[in-house]
C-alpha atoms as a PDB file:
ATOM      1  CA  MET A   1      58.001  30.566 116.264  1.00  0.00           C
ATOM      2  CA  LEU A   2      56.420  32.908 113.699  1.00  0.00           C
ATOM      3  CA  PHE A   3      53.603  34.071 115.974  1.00  0.00           C
ATOM      4  CA  ARG A   4      55.294  33.512 119.321  1.00  0.00           C
ATOM      5  CA  LYS A   5      57.142  36.147 121.313  1.00  0.00           C
ATOM      6  CA  ALA A   6      60.240  35.484 123.384  1.00  0.00           C
ATOM      7  CA  ILE A   7      60.673  37.120 126.782  1.00  0.00           C
ATOM      8  CA  LEU A   8      64.198  37.189 128.179  1.00  0.00           C
ATOM      9  CA  ILE A   9      64.577  37.984 131.899  1.00  0.00           C
ATOM     10  CA  ILE A  10      67.990  39.000 133.279  1.00  0.00           C
ATOM     11  CA  HIS A  11      68.540  38.940 137.047  1.00  0.00           C
ATOM     12  CA  GLY A  12      70.719  41.340 139.016  1.00  0.00           C
ATOM     13  CA  PHE A  13      74.176  41.268 140.564  1.00  0.00           C
ATOM     14  CA  GLY A  14      74.349  38.870 143.478  1.00  0.00           C
ATOM     15  CA  GLY A  15      70.961  37.429 142.598  1.00  0.00           C
ATOM     16  CA  GLY A  16      69.525  34.662 140.487  1.00  0.00           C
ATOM     17  CA  THR A  17      66.512  33.563 138.496  1.00  0.00           C
ATOM     18  CA  TYR A  18      64.637  33.086 141.781  1.00  0.00           C
ATOM     19  CA  ASP A  19      64.410  36.875 142.242  1.00  0.00           C
ATOM     20  CA  GLU A  20      61.986  37.212 139.316  1.00  0.00           C
ATOM     21  CA  GLU A  21      60.443  33.737 139.592  1.00  0.00           C
ATOM     22  CA  TYR A  22      56.980  35.081 140.427  1.00  0.00           C
ATOM     23  CA  LEU A  23      57.020  37.219 137.288  1.00  0.00           C
ATOM     24  CA  SER A  24      58.379  34.502 135.004  1.00  0.00           C
ATOM     25  CA  ASN A  25      55.793  31.987 136.233  1.00  0.00           C
ATOM     26  CA  ARG A  26      52.970  34.414 135.487  1.00  0.00           C
ATOM     27  CA  LEU A  27      54.300  35.293 132.045  1.00  0.00           C
ATOM     28  CA  GLU A  28      54.564  31.620 131.103  1.00  0.00           C
ATOM     29  CA  LEU A  29      50.785  31.342 131.449  1.00  0.00           C
ATOM     30  CA  ILE A  30      50.182  33.879 128.683  1.00  0.00           C
ATOM     31  CA  ARG A  31      49.441  32.553 125.228  1.00  0.00           C
ATOM     32  CA  ASN A  32      52.171  33.060 122.619  1.00  0.00           C
ATOM     33  CA  PHE A  33      54.787  33.996 125.250  1.00  0.00           C
ATOM     34  CA  ASP A  34      57.908  31.851 125.576  1.00  0.00           C
ATOM     35  CA  VAL A  35      59.835  32.872 128.697  1.00  0.00           C
ATOM     36  CA  PHE A  36      63.594  32.409 129.030  1.00  0.00           C
ATOM     37  CA  THR A  37      65.698  32.881 132.160  1.00  0.00           C
ATOM     38  CA  PHE A  38      69.327  32.038 132.834  1.00  0.00           C
ATOM     39  CA  THR A  39      71.952  32.426 135.533  1.00  0.00           C
ATOM     40  CA  LEU A  40      74.738  34.932 134.928  1.00  0.00           C
ATOM     41  CA  PRO A  41      78.266  33.471 135.153  1.00  0.00           C
ATOM     42  CA  GLY A  42      79.520  33.267 138.723  1.00  0.00           C
ATOM     43  CA  HIS A  43      76.031  33.389 140.253  1.00  0.00           C
ATOM     44  CA  ASP A  44      75.364  29.668 140.515  1.00  0.00           C
ATOM     45  CA  GLY A  45      75.489  29.322 144.287  1.00  0.00           C
ATOM     46  CA  LEU A  46      78.927  30.501 145.270  1.00  0.00           C
ATOM     47  CA  PHE A  47      80.504  33.598 143.790  1.00  0.00           C
ATOM     48  CA  LYS A  48      83.666  33.029 141.771  1.00  0.00           C
ATOM     49  CA  SER A  49      86.457  35.507 142.415  1.00  0.00           C
ATOM     50  CA  ASN A  50      87.317  35.630 138.721  1.00  0.00           C
ATOM     51  CA  MET A  51      83.879  36.517 137.332  1.00  0.00           C
ATOM     52  CA  THR A  52      84.052  39.431 134.892  1.00  0.00           C
ATOM     53  CA  GLU A  53      81.907  41.930 133.042  1.00  0.00           C
ATOM     54  CA  GLU A  54      83.046  40.293 129.800  1.00  0.00           C
ATOM     55  CA  GLU A  55      81.506  36.982 130.894  1.00  0.00           C
ATOM     56  CA  TRP A  56      78.193  38.651 131.741  1.00  0.00           C
ATOM     57  CA  VAL A  57      78.071  40.485 128.420  1.00  0.00           C
ATOM     58  CA  LYS A  58      78.934  37.329 126.479  1.00  0.00           C
ATOM     59  CA  ALA A  59      76.231  35.379 128.320  1.00  0.00           C
ATOM     60  CA  THR A  60      73.523  37.931 127.448  1.00  0.00           C
ATOM     61  CA  ASP A  61      74.655  38.101 123.820  1.00  0.00           C
ATOM     62  CA  LYS A  62      74.631  34.302 123.675  1.00  0.00           C
ATOM     63  CA  MET A  63      71.020  34.227 124.883  1.00  0.00           C
ATOM     64  CA  MET A  64      69.986  36.814 122.299  1.00  0.00           C
ATOM     65  CA  LYS A  65      71.682  34.912 119.480  1.00  0.00           C
ATOM     66  CA  PHE A  66      69.986  31.718 120.660  1.00  0.00           C
ATOM     67  CA  LEU A  67      66.564  33.375 120.425  1.00  0.00           C
ATOM     68  CA  ILE A  68      67.297  34.941 117.044  1.00  0.00           C
ATOM     69  CA  ASN A  69      68.668  31.668 115.657  1.00  0.00           C
ATOM     70  CA  ASN A  70      65.452  29.986 116.788  1.00  0.00           C
ATOM     71  CA  ASN A  71      63.474  32.376 114.585  1.00  0.00           C
ATOM     72  CA  TYR A  72      61.948  34.638 117.216  1.00  0.00           C
ATOM     73  CA  LYS A  73      61.126  37.841 115.361  1.00  0.00           C
ATOM     74  CA  THR A  74      59.767  39.648 118.402  1.00  0.00           C
ATOM     75  CA  ILE A  75      61.773  39.656 121.625  1.00  0.00           C
ATOM     76  CA  TYR A  76      60.952  41.442 124.882  1.00  0.00           C
ATOM     77  CA  VAL A  77      63.702  41.903 127.476  1.00  0.00           C
ATOM     78  CA  ILE A  78      63.230  42.457 131.210  1.00  0.00           C
ATOM     79  CA  GLY A  79      66.173  43.330 133.441  1.00  0.00           C
ATOM     80  CA  HIS A  80      66.490  43.893 137.187  1.00  0.00           C
ATOM     81  CA  SER A  81      69.260  45.988 138.790  1.00  0.00           C
ATOM     82  CA  MET A  82      72.539  45.127 136.994  1.00  0.00           C
ATOM     83  CA  GLY A  83      70.381  42.956 134.763  1.00  0.00           C
ATOM     84  CA  GLY A  84      68.621  46.170 133.783  1.00  0.00           C
ATOM     85  CA  VAL A  85      71.925  47.632 132.643  1.00  0.00           C
ATOM     86  CA  LEU A  86      72.653  44.513 130.595  1.00  0.00           C
ATOM     87  CA  ALA A  87      69.095  44.538 129.199  1.00  0.00           C
ATOM     88  CA  ALA A  88      69.472  48.171 128.126  1.00  0.00           C
ATOM     89  CA  ARG A  89      72.720  47.279 126.381  1.00  0.00           C
ATOM     90  CA  LEU A  90      70.926  44.553 124.426  1.00  0.00           C
ATOM     91  CA  ALA A  91      68.086  46.925 123.492  1.00  0.00           C
ATOM     92  CA  SER A  92      70.612  49.397 122.117  1.00  0.00           C
ATOM     93  CA  LYS A  93      72.203  46.673 119.974  1.00  0.00           C
ATOM     94  CA  TYR A  94      69.504  44.286 118.695  1.00  0.00           C
ATOM     95  CA  LYS A  95      66.645  45.453 116.468  1.00  0.00           C
ATOM     96  CA  GLU A  96      64.719  42.273 117.347  1.00  0.00           C
ATOM     97  CA  ILE A  97      64.015  43.704 120.814  1.00  0.00           C
ATOM     98  CA  LYS A  98      60.630  45.413 120.565  1.00  0.00           C
ATOM     99  CA  ARG A  99      59.947  46.162 124.224  1.00  0.00           C
ATOM    100  CA  LEU A 100      62.143  46.744 127.248  1.00  0.00           C
ATOM    101  CA  VAL A 101      61.305  46.611 130.966  1.00  0.00           C
ATOM    102  CA  LEU A 102      63.823  48.099 133.404  1.00  0.00           C
ATOM    103  CA  LEU A 103      63.308  47.126 137.054  1.00  0.00           C
ATOM    104  CA  ALA A 104      65.394  49.289 139.404  1.00  0.00           C
ATOM    105  CA  ALA A 105      68.104  49.351 136.736  1.00  0.00           C
ATOM    106  CA  ALA A 106      71.412  50.136 138.440  1.00  0.00           C
ATOM    107  CA  PHE A 107      72.624  53.009 136.263  1.00  0.00           C
ATOM    108  CA  ARG A 108      72.877  54.887 139.547  1.00  0.00           C
ATOM    109  CA  TYR A 109      73.455  53.008 142.794  1.00  0.00           C
ATOM    110  CA  LEU A 110      73.975  53.754 146.479  1.00  0.00           C
ATOM    111  CA  GLU A 111      74.879  57.469 146.786  1.00  0.00           C
ATOM    112  CA  PHE A 112      76.287  59.337 143.790  1.00  0.00           C
ATOM    113  CA  LYS A 113      78.289  62.565 143.873  1.00  0.00           C
ATOM    114  CA  ASP A 114      79.421  64.065 140.577  1.00  0.00           C
ATOM    115  CA  ASP A 115      78.660  60.735 138.865  1.00  0.00           C
ATOM    116  CA  ASN A 116      80.878  58.828 141.298  1.00  0.00           C
ATOM    117  CA  VAL A 117      79.955  56.657 144.274  1.00  0.00           C
ATOM    118  CA  ASP A 118      79.993  58.686 147.486  1.00  0.00           C
ATOM    119  CA  ILE A 119      81.568  56.101 149.794  1.00  0.00           C
ATOM    120  CA  VAL A 120      80.920  58.100 152.982  1.00  0.00           C
ATOM    121  CA  LYS A 121      77.179  58.404 152.362  1.00  0.00           C
ATOM    122  CA  SER A 122      77.001  54.795 151.205  1.00  0.00           C
ATOM    123  CA  LEU A 123      78.608  53.533 154.413  1.00  0.00           C
ATOM    124  CA  LYS A 124      76.205  55.644 156.466  1.00  0.00           C
ATOM    125  CA  LYS A 125      73.388  53.820 154.700  1.00  0.00           C
ATOM    126  CA  THR A 126      74.638  50.398 155.828  1.00  0.00           C
ATOM    127  CA  PRO A 127      72.258  50.105 158.847  1.00  0.00           C
ATOM    128  CA  GLU A 128      69.355  50.976 156.533  1.00  0.00           C
ATOM    129  CA  LEU A 129      70.458  48.329 154.044  1.00  0.00           C
ATOM    130  CA  VAL A 130      70.715  45.686 156.749  1.00  0.00           C
ATOM    131  CA  LYS A 131      67.274  46.637 158.064  1.00  0.00           C
ATOM    132  CA  ASP A 132      65.737  46.402 154.582  1.00  0.00           C
ATOM    133  CA  TYR A 133      67.310  43.132 153.478  1.00  0.00           C
ATOM    134  CA  LYS A 134      68.199  41.399 156.767  1.00  0.00           C
ATOM    135  CA  GLU A 135      69.985  38.018 156.662  1.00  0.00           C
ATOM    136  CA  GLU A 136      69.625  37.517 152.917  1.00  0.00           C
ATOM    137  CA  PHE A 137      71.359  40.807 152.101  1.00  0.00           C
ATOM    138  CA  ILE A 138      74.170  40.159 154.591  1.00  0.00           C
ATOM    139  CA  SER A 139      74.648  36.662 153.172  1.00  0.00           C
ATOM    140  CA  ARG A 140      74.962  37.959 149.611  1.00  0.00           C
ATOM    141  CA  ILE A 141      77.418  40.701 150.621  1.00  0.00           C
ATOM    142  CA  ILE A 142      79.635  38.203 152.456  1.00  0.00           C
ATOM    143  CA  LYS A 143      79.771  35.980 149.364  1.00  0.00           C
ATOM    144  CA  MET A 144      80.783  38.816 147.043  1.00  0.00           C
ATOM    145  CA  PRO A 145      84.538  38.844 146.385  1.00  0.00           C
ATOM    146  CA  PRO A 146      86.060  42.338 145.980  1.00  0.00           C
ATOM    147  CA  ASN A 147      86.831  41.665 142.332  1.00  0.00           C
ATOM    148  CA  ALA A 148      83.178  40.910 141.607  1.00  0.00           C
ATOM    149  CA  ILE A 149      82.077  44.234 143.058  1.00  0.00           C
ATOM    150  CA  LYS A 150      84.665  46.014 140.912  1.00  0.00           C
ATOM    151  CA  GLU A 151      83.341  44.197 137.850  1.00  0.00           C
ATOM    152  CA  PHE A 152      79.798  45.274 138.721  1.00  0.00           C
ATOM    153  CA  MET A 153      80.936  48.900 138.907  1.00  0.00           C
ATOM    154  CA  LYS A 154      82.813  48.467 135.638  1.00  0.00           C
ATOM    155  CA  THR A 155      79.692  47.059 133.976  1.00  0.00           C
ATOM    156  CA  VAL A 156      77.666  50.124 134.939  1.00  0.00           C
ATOM    157  CA  LYS A 157      80.450  52.502 133.876  1.00  0.00           C
ATOM    158  CA  ASP A 158      81.063  50.819 130.525  1.00  0.00           C
ATOM    159  CA  ASN A 159      77.374  50.904 129.631  1.00  0.00           C
ATOM    160  CA  GLU A 160      76.435  54.358 130.884  1.00  0.00           C
ATOM    161  CA  ASN A 161      75.899  55.624 127.330  1.00  0.00           C
ATOM    162  CA  VAL A 162      73.721  52.796 125.959  1.00  0.00           C
ATOM    163  CA  LEU A 163      70.505  54.499 127.079  1.00  0.00           C
ATOM    164  CA  LYS A 164      71.016  57.152 124.406  1.00  0.00           C
ATOM    165  CA  ASN A 165      70.701  54.470 121.726  1.00  0.00           C
ATOM    166  CA  ILE A 166      67.396  52.963 122.865  1.00  0.00           C
ATOM    167  CA  ASN A 167      64.428  53.642 120.601  1.00  0.00           C
ATOM    168  CA  THR A 168      62.171  50.769 121.595  1.00  0.00           C
ATOM    169  CA  LYS A 169      59.108  50.918 123.844  1.00  0.00           C
ATOM    170  CA  THR A 170      60.384  51.094 127.415  1.00  0.00           C
ATOM    171  CA  PHE A 171      58.795  50.609 130.847  1.00  0.00           C
ATOM    172  CA  ILE A 172      60.814  51.944 133.804  1.00  0.00           C
ATOM    173  CA  ILE A 173      59.878  50.685 137.288  1.00  0.00           C
ATOM    174  CA  GLN A 174      61.301  51.852 140.609  1.00  0.00           C
ATOM    175  CA  GLY A 175      60.475  51.523 144.307  1.00  0.00           C
ATOM    176  CA  THR A 176      60.498  54.588 146.571  1.00  0.00           C
ATOM    177  CA  ASN A 177      62.269  52.727 149.398  1.00  0.00           C
ATOM    178  CA  ASP A 178      65.098  51.320 147.284  1.00  0.00           C
ATOM    179  CA  SER A 179      68.267  51.982 149.309  1.00  0.00           C
ATOM    180  CA  LEU A 180      70.494  50.389 146.659  1.00  0.00           C
ATOM    181  CA  VAL A 181      69.266  52.173 143.527  1.00  0.00           C
ATOM    182  CA  PRO A 182      67.972  55.671 144.441  1.00  0.00           C
ATOM    183  CA  LEU A 183      64.595  56.829 143.125  1.00  0.00           C
ATOM    184  CA  GLU A 184      66.150  59.626 141.052  1.00  0.00           C
ATOM    185  CA  THR A 185      67.667  56.920 138.858  1.00  0.00           C
ATOM    186  CA  MET A 186      64.233  56.590 137.245  1.00  0.00           C
ATOM    187  CA  ASP A 187      64.331  60.221 136.094  1.00  0.00           C
ATOM    188  CA  TYR A 188      67.883  59.821 134.832  1.00  0.00           C
ATOM    189  CA  ILE A 189      66.966  56.768 132.734  1.00  0.00           C
ATOM    190  CA  TYR A 190      63.779  58.378 131.417  1.00  0.00           C
ATOM    191  CA  ASN A 191      65.613  61.518 130.311  1.00  0.00           C
ATOM    192  CA  GLU A 192      68.494  59.626 128.705  1.00  0.00           C
ATOM    193  CA  ILE A 193      66.343  57.317 126.552  1.00  0.00           C
ATOM    194  CA  PRO A 194      65.391  59.107 123.299  1.00  0.00           C
ATOM    195  CA  SER A 195      62.386  56.856 122.610  1.00  0.00           C
ATOM    196  CA  THR A 196      59.128  58.789 122.738  1.00  0.00           C
ATOM    197  CA  ASP A 197      57.253  55.635 123.721  1.00  0.00           C
ATOM    198  CA  LYS A 198      58.212  55.196 127.354  1.00  0.00           C
ATOM    199  CA  GLU A 199      56.414  55.090 130.667  1.00  0.00           C
ATOM    200  CA  VAL A 200      57.207  54.834 134.356  1.00  0.00           C
ATOM    201  CA  LEU A 201      55.762  53.158 137.420  1.00  0.00           C
ATOM    202  CA  VAL A 202      56.638  54.316 140.931  1.00  0.00           C
ATOM    203  CA  LEU A 203      56.074  51.697 143.639  1.00  0.00           C
ATOM    204  CA  GLU A 204      55.386  53.373 146.970  1.00  0.00           C
ATOM    205  CA  GLY A 205      57.104  51.737 149.922  1.00  0.00           C
ATOM    206  CA  VAL A 206      58.887  49.096 147.822  1.00  0.00           C
ATOM    207  CA  ASN A 207      62.613  48.391 148.126  1.00  0.00           C
ATOM    208  CA  HIS A 208      65.049  46.794 145.680  1.00  0.00           C
ATOM    209  CA  ASP A 209      63.534  43.305 145.934  1.00  0.00           C
ATOM    210  CA  ILE A 210      60.436  44.216 143.944  1.00  0.00           C
ATOM    211  CA  PHE A 211      59.003  40.712 143.614  1.00  0.00           C
ATOM    212  CA  LYS A 212      59.320  40.002 147.319  1.00  0.00           C
ATOM    213  CA  SER A 213      57.211  43.031 148.167  1.00  0.00           C
ATOM    214  CA  ASN A 214      53.472  43.211 148.855  1.00  0.00           C
ATOM    215  CA  LYS A 215      53.077  44.876 145.457  1.00  0.00           C
ATOM    216  CA  LYS A 216      54.468  42.018 143.399  1.00  0.00           C
ATOM    217  CA  GLU A 217      51.038  41.223 141.984  1.00  0.00           C
ATOM    218  CA  GLU A 218      50.385  44.860 141.057  1.00  0.00           C
ATOM    219  CA  VAL A 219      53.718  45.299 139.279  1.00  0.00           C
ATOM    220  CA  THR A 220      53.355  41.949 137.514  1.00  0.00           C
ATOM    221  CA  GLU A 221      49.939  42.970 136.179  1.00  0.00           C
ATOM    222  CA  GLU A 222      51.368  46.278 134.944  1.00  0.00           C
ATOM    223  CA  ILE A 223      54.205  44.489 133.154  1.00  0.00           C
ATOM    224  CA  ILE A 224      51.773  42.070 131.543  1.00  0.00           C
ATOM    225  CA  LYS A 225      49.634  45.001 130.425  1.00  0.00           C
ATOM    226  CA  PHE A 226      52.700  46.713 128.927  1.00  0.00           C
ATOM    227  CA  LEU A 227      53.804  43.589 127.067  1.00  0.00           C
ATOM    228  CA  THR A 228      50.364  42.651 125.714  1.00  0.00           C
ATOM    229  CA  LYS A 229      48.748  45.958 124.782  1.00  0.00           C
END
């Protein structure tokens, strides 16, 4: 493992490893990269009503300890949406993480007002959300128990300060048509992270499902460039 690098990919709330499958398949083709994905607790087909933030945090810590115990000295972490929040938490905690990629990281989501969710504006966005994500989005929403949504919100709230402790190289990626995580979230994350080695990529016309867009190849190439340069 001395010369190999581990890449850990963390999917988002309500999603699974299939959301970033295109990216993980491409990364596996690169020499010296070992790619690891896993399913967050409660996301294995049917949502469990008792899933908690604590379970998600423990699962990500367990993956990190697995990589460290297997002698990976260089670890890159990629996180999408809530997975981006969990990835940022790991980057603030583990010195072994040398590079961080945040894909539409959900530090801000739907409509915010004074750092709180503006329910009225969010509900007004519902037709737009349905239009953007169609049957798949509706299916995921139906499967989400109320407790799970509360735990998602708790996860974001409990980790809102981790960005201030990130000093690793960071790549922040956001789509302009993301109706779940607003574009201004990119600026918020960029300004909060103290690392001087950080860059951003704005994806015109792309919504929250980055790797289902027509720019999945472009963003994958940019991530590869960031991780290999």
